[in-house]
C-alpha atoms as a PDB file:
ATOM      1  CA  MET A   1       0.000   0.000   0.000  1.00  0.00           C
ATOM      2  CA  PRO A   2       1.947   3.064  -1.199  1.00  0.00           C
ATOM      3  CA  ILE A   3       1.678   6.242   0.871  1.00  0.00           C
ATOM      4  CA  ILE A   4       1.219   9.333  -1.282  1.00  0.00           C
ATOM      5  CA  THR A   5       1.211  12.833   0.201  1.00  0.00           C
ATOM      6  CA  LEU A   6      -0.246  15.894  -1.477  1.00  0.00           C
ATOM      7  CA  LEU A   7       0.679  19.547  -0.936  1.00  0.00           C
ATOM      8  CA  SER A   8      -1.069  22.100  -3.139  1.00  0.00           C
ATOM      9  CA  ASP A   9      -2.580  25.538  -3.472  1.00  0.00           C
ATOM     10  CA  PHE A  10      -5.757  23.985  -4.960  1.00  0.00           C
ATOM     11  CA  GLY A  11      -7.954  24.730  -1.951  1.00  0.00           C
ATOM     12  CA  TRP A  12     -10.982  22.613  -1.062  1.00  0.00           C
ATOM     13  CA  ARG A  13     -13.802  24.346  -2.962  1.00  0.00           C
ATOM     14  CA  ASP A  14     -13.047  23.366  -6.551  1.00  0.00           C
ATOM     15  CA  HIS A  15     -12.914  19.994  -8.271  1.00  0.00           C
ATOM     16  CA  THR A  16      -9.164  20.158  -8.863  1.00  0.00           C
ATOM     17  CA  LEU A  17      -8.023  18.269  -5.780  1.00  0.00           C
ATOM     18  CA  SER A  18     -10.674  15.549  -5.801  1.00  0.00           C
ATOM     19  CA  SER A  19     -10.147  14.852  -9.496  1.00  0.00           C
ATOM     20  CA  LEU A  20      -6.417  14.350  -8.880  1.00  0.00           C
ATOM     21  CA  LYS A  21      -7.123  11.952  -6.009  1.00  0.00           C
ATOM     22  CA  GLY A  22      -9.673  10.074  -8.125  1.00  0.00           C
ATOM     23  CA  LYS A  23      -7.190   9.700 -10.953  1.00  0.00           C
ATOM     24  CA  ILE A  24      -4.515   8.329  -8.634  1.00  0.00           C
ATOM     25  CA  LEU A  25      -6.929   5.896  -6.910  1.00  0.00           C
ATOM     26  CA  SER A  26      -8.220   4.663 -10.273  1.00  0.00           C
ATOM     27  CA  SER A  27      -4.668   3.643 -11.130  1.00  0.00           C
ATOM     28  CA  ILE A  28      -3.504   2.618  -7.623  1.00  0.00           C
ATOM     29  CA  PRO A  29      -6.634   1.456  -5.727  1.00  0.00           C
ATOM     30  CA  ASP A  30      -4.753   0.604  -2.526  1.00  0.00           C
ATOM     31  CA  ALA A  31      -2.934   3.973  -2.307  1.00  0.00           C
ATOM     32  CA  ASN A  32      -3.066   5.736   1.045  1.00  0.00           C
ATOM     33  CA  ILE A  33      -3.357   9.421   0.103  1.00  0.00           C
ATOM     34  CA  ILE A  34      -2.434  11.867   2.892  1.00  0.00           C
ATOM     35  CA  ASP A  35      -3.152  15.590   2.659  1.00  0.00           C
ATOM     36  CA  ILE A  36      -0.299  17.731   3.983  1.00  0.00           C
ATOM     37  CA  SER A  37      -2.114  20.967   3.119  1.00  0.00           C
ATOM     38  CA  HIS A  38      -4.194  22.471   0.339  1.00  0.00           C
ATOM     39  CA  GLU A  39      -4.476  25.923   1.893  1.00  0.00           C
ATOM     40  CA  VAL A  40      -1.132  27.208   0.685  1.00  0.00           C
ATOM     41  CA  MET A  41      -1.560  30.806  -0.427  1.00  0.00           C
ATOM     42  CA  ALA A  42      -1.986  30.804  -4.213  1.00  0.00           C
ATOM     43  CA  GLN A  43       1.364  30.631  -6.035  1.00  0.00           C
ATOM     44  CA  ASN A  44       3.223  31.189  -2.731  1.00  0.00           C
ATOM     45  CA  VAL A  45       6.317  29.020  -3.014  1.00  0.00           C
ATOM     46  CA  MET A  46       7.806  30.264   0.290  1.00  0.00           C
ATOM     47  CA  ASP A  47       4.696  29.243   2.249  1.00  0.00           C
ATOM     48  CA  ALA A  48       4.623  25.853   0.550  1.00  0.00           C
ATOM     49  CA  ALA A  49       8.290  25.192   1.309  1.00  0.00           C
ATOM     50  CA  PHE A  50       7.870  26.013   5.007  1.00  0.00           C
ATOM     51  CA  ILE A  51       4.877  23.690   5.368  1.00  0.00           C
ATOM     52  CA  PHE A  52       6.402  20.839   3.398  1.00  0.00           C
ATOM     53  CA  LYS A  53       9.897  20.798   4.919  1.00  0.00           C
ATOM     54  CA  ASN A  54       8.411  20.653   8.428  1.00  0.00           C
ATOM     55  CA  ALA A  55       6.103  17.767   7.495  1.00  0.00           C
ATOM     56  CA  TYR A  56       7.716  15.342   5.062  1.00  0.00           C
ATOM     57  CA  THR A  57      10.485  14.048   7.346  1.00  0.00           C
ATOM     58  CA  HIS A  58       7.878  12.492   9.646  1.00  0.00           C
ATOM     59  CA  PHE A  59       6.646  10.075   6.970  1.00  0.00           C
ATOM     60  CA  PRO A  60       7.854   6.486   6.483  1.00  0.00           C
ATOM     61  CA  ASP A  61      10.570   5.522   4.019  1.00  0.00           C
ATOM     62  CA  GLN A  62       9.493   5.246   0.386  1.00  0.00           C
ATOM     63  CA  THR A  63       6.596   7.665   0.803  1.00  0.00           C
ATOM     64  CA  ILE A  64       5.728   9.412  -2.476  1.00  0.00           C
ATOM     65  CA  HIS A  65       5.478  13.187  -2.032  1.00  0.00           C
ATOM     66  CA  ILE A  66       3.643  15.303  -4.628  1.00  0.00           C
ATOM     67  CA  ILE A  67       4.002  19.089  -4.541  1.00  0.00           C
ATOM     68  CA  ALA A  68       1.463  20.875  -6.738  1.00  0.00           C
ATOM     69  CA  VAL A  69       1.938  24.580  -6.035  1.00  0.00           C
ATOM     70  CA  ASP A  70       2.255  27.446  -8.540  1.00  0.00           C
ATOM     71  CA  MET A  71       2.073  25.067 -11.475  1.00  0.00           C
ATOM     72  CA  ALA A  72       0.359  27.427 -13.921  1.00  0.00           C
ATOM     73  CA  SER A  73       2.697  30.401 -13.492  1.00  0.00           C
ATOM     74  CA  SER A  74       4.483  29.629 -16.743  1.00  0.00           C
ATOM     75  CA  ASN A  75       3.830  27.485 -19.800  1.00  0.00           C
ATOM     76  CA  GLN A  76       7.500  26.518 -19.646  1.00  0.00           C
ATOM     77  CA  ILE A  77       7.481  25.140 -16.098  1.00  0.00           C
ATOM     78  CA  LYS A  78       9.071  21.712 -15.774  1.00  0.00           C
ATOM     79  CA  LEU A  79       8.445  18.792 -13.423  1.00  0.00           C
ATOM     80  CA  PHE A  80      11.188  16.987 -11.531  1.00  0.00           C
ATOM     81  CA  TYR A  81      11.453  13.582  -9.875  1.00  0.00           C
ATOM     82  CA  CYS A  82      14.083  12.477  -7.398  1.00  0.00           C
ATOM     83  CA  HIS A  83      14.640   9.730  -4.849  1.00  0.00           C
ATOM     84  CA  HIS A  84      16.189  11.301  -1.754  1.00  0.00           C
ATOM     85  CA  ASP A  85      16.369  10.407   1.960  1.00  0.00           C
ATOM     86  CA  ASN A  86      14.660   7.099   1.076  1.00  0.00           C
ATOM     87  CA  MET A  87      11.598   8.955  -0.223  1.00  0.00           C
ATOM     88  CA  HIS A  88      10.204   9.880  -3.628  1.00  0.00           C
ATOM     89  CA  PHE A  89       9.593  13.510  -4.600  1.00  0.00           C
ATOM     90  CA  ILE A  90       7.621  14.927  -7.533  1.00  0.00           C
ATOM     91  CA  ILE A  91       8.246  18.673  -7.617  1.00  0.00           C
ATOM     92  CA  PRO A  92       7.579  21.483 -10.131  1.00  0.00           C
ATOM     93  CA  ASP A  93      10.479  23.638 -11.281  1.00  0.00           C
ATOM     94  CA  ASN A  94       9.397  26.842  -9.528  1.00  0.00           C
ATOM     95  CA  GLY A  95      12.265  27.178  -7.052  1.00  0.00           C
ATOM     96  CA  ILE A  96      10.670  25.258  -4.195  1.00  0.00           C
ATOM     97  CA  ILE A  97      13.184  22.417  -4.431  1.00  0.00           C
ATOM     98  CA  SER A  98      15.982  24.780  -3.333  1.00  0.00           C
ATOM     99  CA  LEU A  99      13.979  25.832  -0.250  1.00  0.00           C
ATOM    100  CA  ILE A 100      13.064  22.323   0.902  1.00  0.00           C
ATOM    101  CA  PHE A 101      16.493  20.704   0.998  1.00  0.00           C
ATOM    102  CA  GLU A 102      19.709  21.950   2.608  1.00  0.00           C
ATOM    103  CA  SER A 103      21.554  20.799  -0.515  1.00  0.00           C
ATOM    104  CA  LEU A 104      20.039  19.752  -3.817  1.00  0.00           C
ATOM    105  CA  PRO A 105      19.445  15.998  -4.207  1.00  0.00           C
ATOM    106  CA  LYS A 106      21.513  14.081  -6.723  1.00  0.00           C
ATOM    107  CA  ASN A 107      20.080  12.440  -9.821  1.00  0.00           C
ATOM    108  CA  ILE A 108      17.147  14.812 -10.339  1.00  0.00           C
ATOM    109  CA  VAL A 109      15.162  13.703 -13.392  1.00  0.00           C
ATOM    110  CA  GLU A 110      13.214  16.099 -15.609  1.00  0.00           C
ATOM    111  CA  ILE A 111       9.923  14.423 -16.562  1.00  0.00           C
ATOM    112  CA  ASP A 112       8.782  14.535 -20.175  1.00  0.00           C
ATOM    113  CA  LEU A 113       5.442  16.392 -20.229  1.00  0.00           C
ATOM    114  CA  LEU A 114       4.794  15.340 -23.829  1.00  0.00           C
ATOM    115  CA  GLY A 115       4.512  18.936 -24.967  1.00  0.00           C
ATOM    116  CA  PHE A 116       1.578  19.811 -22.690  1.00  0.00           C
ATOM    117  CA  PRO A 117       1.763  22.564 -20.055  1.00  0.00           C
ATOM    118  CA  LEU A 118       1.924  21.086 -16.568  1.00  0.00           C
ATOM    119  CA  TYR A 119      -1.321  22.705 -15.422  1.00  0.00           C
ATOM    120  CA  ILE A 120      -3.175  20.795 -18.172  1.00  0.00           C
ATOM    121  CA  SER A 121      -1.501  17.391 -17.829  1.00  0.00           C
ATOM    122  CA  TYR A 122      -0.825  17.320 -14.056  1.00  0.00           C
ATOM    123  CA  LYS A 123      -3.355  14.569 -13.222  1.00  0.00           C
ATOM    124  CA  GLU A 124      -2.035  12.217 -15.867  1.00  0.00           C
ATOM    125  CA  ILE A 125       1.627  12.971 -15.160  1.00  0.00           C
ATOM    126  CA  PHE A 126       1.371  12.637 -11.363  1.00  0.00           C
ATOM    127  CA  THR A 127      -0.645   9.429 -11.682  1.00  0.00           C
ATOM    128  CA  TYR A 128       1.764   7.957 -14.221  1.00  0.00           C
ATOM    129  CA  ILE A 129       4.804   8.625 -12.025  1.00  0.00           C
ATOM    130  CA  CYS A 130       3.107   7.299  -8.883  1.00  0.00           C
ATOM    131  CA  SER A 131       2.102   4.134 -10.738  1.00  0.00           C
ATOM    132  CA  LYS A 132       5.677   3.577 -11.913  1.00  0.00           C
ATOM    133  CA  ILE A 133       7.010   4.046  -8.382  1.00  0.00           C
ATOM    134  CA  ALA A 134       4.387   1.700  -6.920  1.00  0.00           C
ATOM    135  CA  LYS A 135       5.490  -0.969  -9.405  1.00  0.00           C
ATOM    136  CA  HIS A 136       9.167  -0.357  -8.541  1.00  0.00           C
ATOM    137  CA  GLU A 137       9.875   0.752 -12.097  1.00  0.00           C
ATOM    138  CA  ALA A 138      12.508   3.319 -13.032  1.00  0.00           C
ATOM    139  CA  ILE A 139      11.361   6.863 -13.740  1.00  0.00           C
ATOM    140  CA  GLU A 140      12.499   7.852 -17.195  1.00  0.00           C
ATOM    141  CA  GLY A 141      13.574  11.315 -18.204  1.00  0.00           C
ATOM    142  CA  LYS A 142      16.648  13.378 -18.843  1.00  0.00           C
ATOM    143  CA  SER A 143      18.955  14.546 -16.107  1.00  0.00           C
ATOM    144  CA  ALA A 144      17.934  18.027 -14.923  1.00  0.00           C
ATOM    145  CA  SER A 145      20.514  20.447 -16.289  1.00  0.00           C
ATOM    146  CA  SER A 146      19.050  23.666 -14.915  1.00  0.00           C
ATOM    147  CA  MET A 147      16.362  24.680 -12.463  1.00  0.00           C
ATOM    148  CA  LYS A 148      14.944  27.728 -10.753  1.00  0.00           C
ATOM    149  CA  THR A 149      16.378  28.345  -7.292  1.00  0.00           C
ATOM    150  CA  TYR A 150      15.905  30.692  -4.349  1.00  0.00           C
ATOM    151  CA  THR A 151      18.278  31.649  -1.570  1.00  0.00           C
ATOM    152  CA  SER A 152      16.959  30.511   1.792  1.00  0.00           C
ATOM    153  CA  GLN A 153      16.191  33.326   4.203  1.00  0.00           C
ATOM    154  CA  ARG A 154      18.707  33.200   7.020  1.00  0.00           C
ATOM    155  CA  PRO A 155      19.087  35.644   9.928  1.00  0.00           C
ATOM    156  CA  ILE A 156      22.092  37.946  10.108  1.00  0.00           C
ATOM    157  CA  ILE A 157      24.290  37.085  13.082  1.00  0.00           C
ATOM    158  CA  TYR A 158      26.410  39.686  14.907  1.00  0.00           C
ATOM    159  CA  PRO A 159      28.399  39.250  18.154  1.00  0.00           C
ATOM    160  CA  ASP A 160      25.725  41.095  20.146  1.00  0.00           C
ATOM    161  CA  MET A 161      22.664  40.889  17.923  1.00  0.00           C
ATOM    162  CA  ILE A 162      20.583  38.620  15.707  1.00  0.00           C
ATOM    163  CA  LYS A 163      18.551  40.259  12.955  1.00  0.00           C
ATOM    164  CA  GLY A 164      15.863  37.972  11.571  1.00  0.00           C
ATOM    165  CA  SER A 165      12.519  38.225   9.840  1.00  0.00           C
ATOM    166  CA  VAL A 166       9.044  36.735   9.771  1.00  0.00           C
ATOM    167  CA  ILE A 167       8.882  33.894   7.249  1.00  0.00           C
ATOM    168  CA  TYR A 168       5.447  32.376   7.885  1.00  0.00           C
ATOM    169  CA  ILE A 169       2.060  33.227   9.379  1.00  0.00           C
ATOM    170  CA  ASP A 170       0.367  30.098  10.694  1.00  0.00           C
ATOM    171  CA  HIS A 171      -3.279  29.079  11.040  1.00  0.00           C
ATOM    172  CA  PHE A 172      -3.531  30.758  14.457  1.00  0.00           C
ATOM    173  CA  ASP A 173      -2.099  34.037  13.076  1.00  0.00           C
ATOM    174  CA  ASN A 174       1.185  33.501  14.920  1.00  0.00           C
ATOM    175  CA  ALA A 175       4.260  35.023  13.256  1.00  0.00           C
ATOM    176  CA  ILE A 176       7.095  32.521  12.808  1.00  0.00           C
ATOM    177  CA  THR A 177      10.609  33.825  12.236  1.00  0.00           C
ATOM    178  CA  ASN A 178      13.799  32.379  10.758  1.00  0.00           C
ATOM    179  CA  ILE A 179      15.681  32.613  14.085  1.00  0.00           C
ATOM    180  CA  THR A 180      16.467  29.193  15.537  1.00  0.00           C
ATOM    181  CA  ARG A 181      16.893  28.188  19.170  1.00  0.00           C
ATOM    182  CA  ASN A 182      20.420  26.936  18.403  1.00  0.00           C
ATOM    183  CA  GLU A 183      21.435  30.320  16.987  1.00  0.00           C
ATOM    184  CA  PHE A 184      19.933  32.114  19.967  1.00  0.00           C
ATOM    185  CA  ASP A 185      21.703  29.889  22.505  1.00  0.00           C
ATOM    186  CA  ALA A 186      25.049  30.102  20.683  1.00  0.00           C
ATOM    187  CA  ILE A 187      25.075  33.916  20.609  1.00  0.00           C
ATOM    188  CA  ARG A 188      23.484  34.517  24.004  1.00  0.00           C
ATOM    189  CA  LYS A 189      26.008  32.651  26.149  1.00  0.00           C
ATOM    190  CA  GLU A 190      23.913  33.257  29.269  1.00  0.00           C
ATOM    191  CA  ARG A 191      23.737  37.024  28.665  1.00  0.00           C
ATOM    192  CA  SER A 192      20.578  39.063  29.163  1.00  0.00           C
ATOM    193  CA  TYR A 193      18.675  39.956  26.014  1.00  0.00           C
ATOM    194  CA  GLU A 194      15.758  41.853  24.518  1.00  0.00           C
ATOM    195  CA  ILE A 195      13.561  40.708  21.623  1.00  0.00           C
ATOM    196  CA  GLN A 196      12.440  43.758  19.666  1.00  0.00           C
ATOM    197  CA  PHE A 197       9.959  44.251  16.822  1.00  0.00           C
ATOM    198  CA  GLY A 198       8.248  47.528  16.057  1.00  0.00           C
ATOM    199  CA  LYS A 199       7.667  49.305  19.355  1.00  0.00           C
ATOM    200  CA  TYR A 200       7.586  46.085  21.390  1.00  0.00           C
ATOM    201  CA  ILE A 201      10.274  44.577  23.637  1.00  0.00           C
ATOM    202  CA  LEU A 202       9.753  41.040  24.968  1.00  0.00           C
ATOM    203  CA  GLN A 203      11.437  38.162  26.770  1.00  0.00           C
ATOM    204  CA  LEU A 204      10.996  34.474  26.017  1.00  0.00           C
ATOM    205  CA  SER A 205       8.127  32.441  27.418  1.00  0.00           C
ATOM    206  CA  ASP A 206       8.035  28.679  27.880  1.00  0.00           C
ATOM    207  CA  SER A 207       4.406  28.363  26.756  1.00  0.00           C
ATOM    208  CA  TYR A 208       1.374  30.413  25.747  1.00  0.00           C
ATOM    209  CA  SER A 209      -0.043  30.103  29.250  1.00  0.00           C
ATOM    210  CA  ASN A 210       2.929  31.990  30.724  1.00  0.00           C
ATOM    211  CA  VAL A 211       1.075  35.225  29.950  1.00  0.00           C
ATOM    212  CA  PRO A 212      -2.541  36.273  30.528  1.00  0.00           C
ATOM    213  CA  GLU A 213      -5.072  35.903  27.701  1.00  0.00           C
ATOM    214  CA  GLY A 214      -4.674  38.709  25.189  1.00  0.00           C
ATOM    215  CA  GLU A 215      -0.995  39.320  26.047  1.00  0.00           C
ATOM    216  CA  LYS A 216       1.797  38.995  23.492  1.00  0.00           C
ATOM    217  CA  LEU A 217       4.686  36.564  23.916  1.00  0.00           C
ATOM    218  CA  CYS A 218       7.708  35.029  22.211  1.00  0.00           C
ATOM    219  CA  LEU A 219       8.702  31.373  22.373  1.00  0.00           C
ATOM    220  CA  PHE A 220      10.595  28.747  20.430  1.00  0.00           C
ATOM    221  CA  ASN A 221       8.035  26.480  18.803  1.00  0.00           C
ATOM    222  CA  SER A 222       7.995  22.751  18.111  1.00  0.00           C
ATOM    223  CA  VAL A 223      10.297  23.092  15.081  1.00  0.00           C
ATOM    224  CA  GLY A 224      12.797  25.246  16.993  1.00  0.00           C
ATOM    225  CA  LEU A 225      11.939  28.616  15.443  1.00  0.00           C
ATOM    226  CA  LEU A 226      11.228  31.848  17.291  1.00  0.00           C
ATOM    227  CA  GLU A 227       7.500  32.548  17.205  1.00  0.00           C
ATOM    228  CA  ILE A 228       5.588  35.682  18.153  1.00  0.00           C
ATOM    229  CA  ALA A 229       2.077  35.077  19.412  1.00  0.00           C
ATOM    230  CA  ILE A 230      -0.761  36.430  21.505  1.00  0.00           C
ATOM    231  CA  ASN A 231      -2.323  34.073  24.025  1.00  0.00           C
ATOM    232  CA  LYS A 232      -5.706  33.297  22.429  1.00  0.00           C
ATOM    233  CA  GLY A 233      -5.256  36.240  20.056  1.00  0.00           C
ATOM    234  CA  ASN A 234      -4.123  37.116  16.539  1.00  0.00           C
ATOM    235  CA  ALA A 235      -0.523  38.291  16.725  1.00  0.00           C
ATOM    236  CA  SER A 236       0.156  38.934  13.053  1.00  0.00           C
ATOM    237  CA  SER A 237      -2.930  41.125  12.576  1.00  0.00           C
ATOM    238  CA  LEU A 238      -2.825  42.966  15.899  1.00  0.00           C
ATOM    239  CA  LEU A 239       0.937  43.545  15.957  1.00  0.00           C
ATOM    240  CA  ASN A 240       1.213  44.337  12.234  1.00  0.00           C
ATOM    241  CA  LEU A 241       3.602  41.457  11.553  1.00  0.00           C
ATOM    242  CA  LYS A 242       3.843  40.297   7.955  1.00  0.00           C
ATOM    243  CA  GLY A 243       6.249  38.325   5.808  1.00  0.00           C
ATOM    244  CA  ASN A 244       9.736  39.864   6.021  1.00  0.00           C
ATOM    245  CA  SER A 245       8.889  41.995   9.084  1.00  0.00           C
ATOM    246  CA  THR A 246      12.152  42.554  10.977  1.00  0.00           C
ATOM    247  CA  ILE A 247      12.750  40.894  14.354  1.00  0.00           C
ATOM    248  CA  GLN A 248      15.891  41.759  16.341  1.00  0.00           C
ATOM    249  CA  ILE A 249      17.412  40.229  19.460  1.00  0.00           C
ATOM    250  CA  PHE A 250      19.942  42.354  21.356  1.00  0.00           C
ATOM    251  CA  PHE A 251      22.353  40.760  23.838  1.00  0.00           C
ATOM    252  CA  LYS A 252      23.907  42.695  26.725  1.00  0.00           C
END
């Protein structure tokens, strides 16, 4: 029973997602299809990369991962396949592959789309590749010679300061930054500190309940990233935090 995950910006309202699942199940009746998310902001590769990279590592070996985000942005967009970390990945050439992995996988194959734009042939192509993988057959195509890439957003580290930014707004309207707990601990060295954004200055909390309802807080979340939240409130909206908003930590 192959496990197939889906990440897309299709949403739930239209037929697009269900028709893809139906096509896959028609070809692989025993497939176990798992939804990672279909509420990625339309064409937002950065959002998709954050969601996917924090989810896929928790799946069993040989899981088949399909990423279907921003597929219609160009008639020339390509589709890649690779086997990496004992898993299978089917990924469009829109730069997301460079944001998911620390270093690009080897042996990336460019899938032949038979002259059709990906947004027209996606159901057939995804189903075909999944069927080949389920049968333990090799995926044919030419070696990827070029691909779109992005530079991952990393904080700037100084001896007495970390300058980071908001990279994701989650379902609860919390603002998640690119500052990691490891970076914080390495620079702090037991010194006092202040977390600053806009007009606000905060210290770290261990949990949301450390502050009264409606109060803002900062904590390191389950994936080790600094998060700005309001206990039972909407931090991003109320504190005017958006993608790329600057967050600074000063050490004394």
